[in-house]
Amino acid sequence: MAIEVAYATPAQQVIVALAMPLGATAEQAINASGLLGRFPEIGATAMAMGIFGSVCKPTQALRQGDRVEIYRPLLHDPKESRRQRAAKNK
C-alpha cells in the first residue's frame, strides 16, 4: 500500500512516499522512511506521531493513502502563553 511519512522543521518540510505491506504500523513506516537517520533530533525525545493531524500510537495499523506525521515537541506551552498575554493586557 502507498503511504507517506512527513516531518517538518522551521526551515524545511520533508515528505517520503513509501510502499508498505498490508498491516504495517506507523512506527514501521517511520523506520522505513529513513527520516530518523536524516534528522537525528527526532530520536532524542519520545517521538509523537499522528495520521493526518490526529495523534496515534506507534502500533496504529496503516491504511492505503495514510500520511504519518512526526511531531516536534512544543517550545512553549500554548496555555501558559495565553495566560501571560492576558495578564499583560490587564
C-alpha atoms as a PDB file:
ATOM      1  CA  MET A   1       0.000   0.000   0.000  1.00  0.00           C
ATOM      2  CA  ALA A   2       1.167   3.530  -0.711  1.00  0.00           C
ATOM      3  CA  ILE A   3       1.672   5.832   2.295  1.00  0.00           C
ATOM      4  CA  GLU A   4       3.670   8.961   3.128  1.00  0.00           C
ATOM      5  CA  VAL A   5       5.771   9.926   6.135  1.00  0.00           C
ATOM      6  CA  ALA A   6       6.121  13.652   6.867  1.00  0.00           C
ATOM      7  CA  TYR A   7       8.434  15.670   9.123  1.00  0.00           C
ATOM      8  CA  ALA A   8       8.930  19.418   9.235  1.00  0.00           C
ATOM      9  CA  THR A   9      11.457  21.731  10.831  1.00  0.00           C
ATOM     10  CA  PRO A  10      11.185  25.526  10.848  1.00  0.00           C
ATOM     11  CA  ALA A  11      13.429  25.532   7.750  1.00  0.00           C
ATOM     12  CA  GLN A  12      12.073  22.638   5.678  1.00  0.00           C
ATOM     13  CA  GLN A  13       9.374  20.044   5.193  1.00  0.00           C
ATOM     14  CA  VAL A  14      10.145  16.510   4.032  1.00  0.00           C
ATOM     15  CA  ILE A  15       7.568  14.011   2.777  1.00  0.00           C
ATOM     16  CA  VAL A  16       8.742  10.497   1.922  1.00  0.00           C
ATOM     17  CA  ALA A  17       6.498   8.269  -0.209  1.00  0.00           C
ATOM     18  CA  LEU A  18       6.694   4.576   0.657  1.00  0.00           C
ATOM     19  CA  ALA A  19       5.173   1.274  -0.375  1.00  0.00           C
ATOM     20  CA  MET A  20       4.424  -0.693   2.791  1.00  0.00           C
ATOM     21  CA  PRO A  21       2.902  -4.156   3.201  1.00  0.00           C
ATOM     22  CA  LEU A  22      -0.663  -4.526   4.453  1.00  0.00           C
ATOM     23  CA  GLY A  23      -0.773  -4.449   8.247  1.00  0.00           C
ATOM     24  CA  ALA A  24       2.257  -2.148   8.577  1.00  0.00           C
ATOM     25  CA  THR A  25       2.260   0.172  11.585  1.00  0.00           C
ATOM     26  CA  ALA A  26       3.019   3.879  11.911  1.00  0.00           C
ATOM     27  CA  GLU A  27       6.296   3.077  13.680  1.00  0.00           C
ATOM     28  CA  GLN A  28       7.366   0.674  10.917  1.00  0.00           C
ATOM     29  CA  ALA A  29       6.664   3.337   8.303  1.00  0.00           C
ATOM     30  CA  ILE A  30       8.743   5.925  10.185  1.00  0.00           C
ATOM     31  CA  ASN A  31      11.637   3.479  10.486  1.00  0.00           C
ATOM     32  CA  ALA A  32      11.396   2.606   6.780  1.00  0.00           C
ATOM     33  CA  SER A  33      11.315   6.286   5.743  1.00  0.00           C
ATOM     34  CA  GLY A  34      14.945   6.972   6.708  1.00  0.00           C
ATOM     35  CA  LEU A  35      13.936  10.207   8.446  1.00  0.00           C
ATOM     36  CA  LEU A  36      15.354   9.063  11.795  1.00  0.00           C
ATOM     37  CA  GLY A  37      18.834   8.947  10.251  1.00  0.00           C
ATOM     38  CA  ARG A  38      18.364  12.183   8.334  1.00  0.00           C
ATOM     39  CA  PHE A  39      17.092  14.117  11.380  1.00  0.00           C
ATOM     40  CA  PRO A  40      18.856  12.767  14.499  1.00  0.00           C
ATOM     41  CA  GLU A  41      16.913  15.167  16.735  1.00  0.00           C
ATOM     42  CA  ILE A  42      13.769  13.085  16.164  1.00  0.00           C
ATOM     43  CA  GLY A  43      15.106  10.187  18.202  1.00  0.00           C
ATOM     44  CA  ALA A  44      16.377  12.387  21.053  1.00  0.00           C
ATOM     45  CA  THR A  45      12.931  12.572  22.690  1.00  0.00           C
ATOM     46  CA  ALA A  46       9.888  10.368  22.875  1.00  0.00           C
ATOM     47  CA  MET A  47       8.520  10.570  19.363  1.00  0.00           C
ATOM     48  CA  ALA A  48       4.976  11.862  18.944  1.00  0.00           C
ATOM     49  CA  MET A  49       3.215  10.873  15.746  1.00  0.00           C
ATOM     50  CA  GLY A  50      -0.119  11.111  14.045  1.00  0.00           C
ATOM     51  CA  ILE A  51      -2.036  10.319  10.904  1.00  0.00           C
ATOM     52  CA  PHE A  52      -3.454  13.327   9.040  1.00  0.00           C
ATOM     53  CA  GLY A  53      -3.279  15.539  12.155  1.00  0.00           C
ATOM     54  CA  SER A  54      -4.732  13.049  14.652  1.00  0.00           C
ATOM     55  CA  VAL A  55      -2.307  11.726  17.256  1.00  0.00           C
ATOM     56  CA  CYS A  56      -1.852   7.960  17.110  1.00  0.00           C
ATOM     57  CA  LYS A  57       0.120   5.219  18.822  1.00  0.00           C
ATOM     58  CA  PRO A  58       3.183   3.673  17.153  1.00  0.00           C
ATOM     59  CA  THR A  59       1.238   0.419  16.820  1.00  0.00           C
ATOM     60  CA  GLN A  60      -1.548   2.035  14.756  1.00  0.00           C
ATOM     61  CA  ALA A  61      -2.158  -0.029  11.620  1.00  0.00           C
ATOM     62  CA  LEU A  62      -1.967   1.989   8.418  1.00  0.00           C
ATOM     63  CA  ARG A  63      -4.383   2.125   5.510  1.00  0.00           C
ATOM     64  CA  GLN A  64      -3.834   2.899   1.845  1.00  0.00           C
ATOM     65  CA  GLY A  65      -3.012   6.587   1.355  1.00  0.00           C
ATOM     66  CA  ASP A  66      -2.303   7.445   5.014  1.00  0.00           C
ATOM     67  CA  ARG A  67       0.192  10.197   5.837  1.00  0.00           C
ATOM     68  CA  VAL A  68       2.145   9.515   9.021  1.00  0.00           C
ATOM     69  CA  GLU A  69       3.357  12.745  10.618  1.00  0.00           C
ATOM     70  CA  ILE A  70       6.236  13.033  13.081  1.00  0.00           C
ATOM     71  CA  TYR A  71       5.643  15.843  15.567  1.00  0.00           C
ATOM     72  CA  ARG A  72       8.293  18.026  17.194  1.00  0.00           C
ATOM     73  CA  PRO A  73       7.925  18.952  20.877  1.00  0.00           C
ATOM     74  CA  LEU A  74       6.326  22.341  21.569  1.00  0.00           C
ATOM     75  CA  LEU A  75       8.756  25.087  22.532  1.00  0.00           C
ATOM     76  CA  HIS A  76       6.133  26.962  24.547  1.00  0.00           C
ATOM     77  CA  ASP A  77       3.041  25.736  26.334  1.00  0.00           C
ATOM     78  CA  PRO A  78       0.108  27.375  24.481  1.00  0.00           C
ATOM     79  CA  LYS A  79      -1.982  27.657  27.650  1.00  0.00           C
ATOM     80  CA  GLU A  80       0.807  29.393  29.525  1.00  0.00           C
ATOM     81  CA  SER A  81       1.403  31.758  26.600  1.00  0.00           C
ATOM     82  CA  ARG A  82      -2.282  32.763  26.618  1.00  0.00           C
ATOM     83  CA  ARG A  83      -2.166  33.370  30.399  1.00  0.00           C
ATOM     84  CA  GLN A  84       0.867  35.608  30.014  1.00  0.00           C
ATOM     85  CA  ARG A  85      -0.784  37.633  27.212  1.00  0.00           C
ATOM     86  CA  ALA A  86      -3.984  38.011  29.249  1.00  0.00           C
ATOM     87  CA  ALA A  87      -2.036  39.165  32.312  1.00  0.00           C
ATOM     88  CA  LYS A  88      -0.106  41.668  30.185  1.00  0.00           C
ATOM     89  CA  ASN A  89      -3.334  43.162  28.750  1.00  0.00           C
ATOM     90  CA  LYS A  90      -4.910  43.817  32.178  1.00  0.00           C
END
